[in-house]
Amino acid sequence: MLLALTLLGCAPEAPSSDPQPAEPTDTGAPPGPFGFPIPERDRIYTRIGVDHDPVVQTGLLASLLCADYLGRPFPNCYDEHDGSDFMLDGSFEAMDAGSPDIVAAADGVVVEAHDGEYDRCHAEVTAVSCDGNSGVANYVIVQHSDGWRTKYWHMQKDSVAVAVGAAVRCGDVLGRIGSSGNSSAPHLHFEVEDPDLVVVDPYAGPRSQPTSYWADQGVTDALPEPGCTAR
């Protein structure tokens, strides 16, 4: 667990069980392809993805048992993870020197935004510590056409650049990468939900849906290409 919390962006959510293996499905196309939400792509050193293994694991190494969009285990994912964590290269030193912007992945309207929370939460033994602060994240949620949503979590304190009700275009700045909330190091947790509030992995693969929802998914083990228009 210590290894998992040290390497991962955030700890698993509350458990839920589904003993049946998941089959890749296509829930219907989202509102246009998603652009990669961090323009300074070269400052991200790894991605930790959505868990497609429906079995909720238990025991000391539970968080290490998962399957990403290609069926790979930890460190490509961790148990019950419902988004993609993009980890900041250089950690807190890089954040303090000037953290990268987080931008909207598609056109939409801001439906939730929160700021002002402590942003130096970190891994400590078997848990995340926010040094006695609330442990609440700074974040933005954008609603797109037909009820699709994207969530941007763990932002740097005082960096949220939009308010509820604001219309945003793909590429508009929402905030900056931080480590607020249930976060072990500076990163962006990017999450996509369909109109039924079901988490959808934008990556196409044998354990995910057959169609990529990125504008350009790029090659295996690389980050998606920047830009908001499908190529």
Foldseek 3Di string as FASTA:
>chain_A
DLVLQQPDWFDADDDDADQDQDFADDPDADDAFFFQFFPPQVQFDAKAAAFLGRGQADDDCRQQAGQHQAGDTPPNYGGRQQFMKGAGPPWPVQVVVPFTFTWGRFWFFWADFDAAFQFAWARDRPAIDSPPTDLDWTWIKGADPPQKIKIKIRFDHPFQDDDGGDTHGTGHTGGGWTRGHRTHTTIIGIWIAHNVRDTAYQDAHRSYHNHHRHLACDDPRGHGDGDRHRD
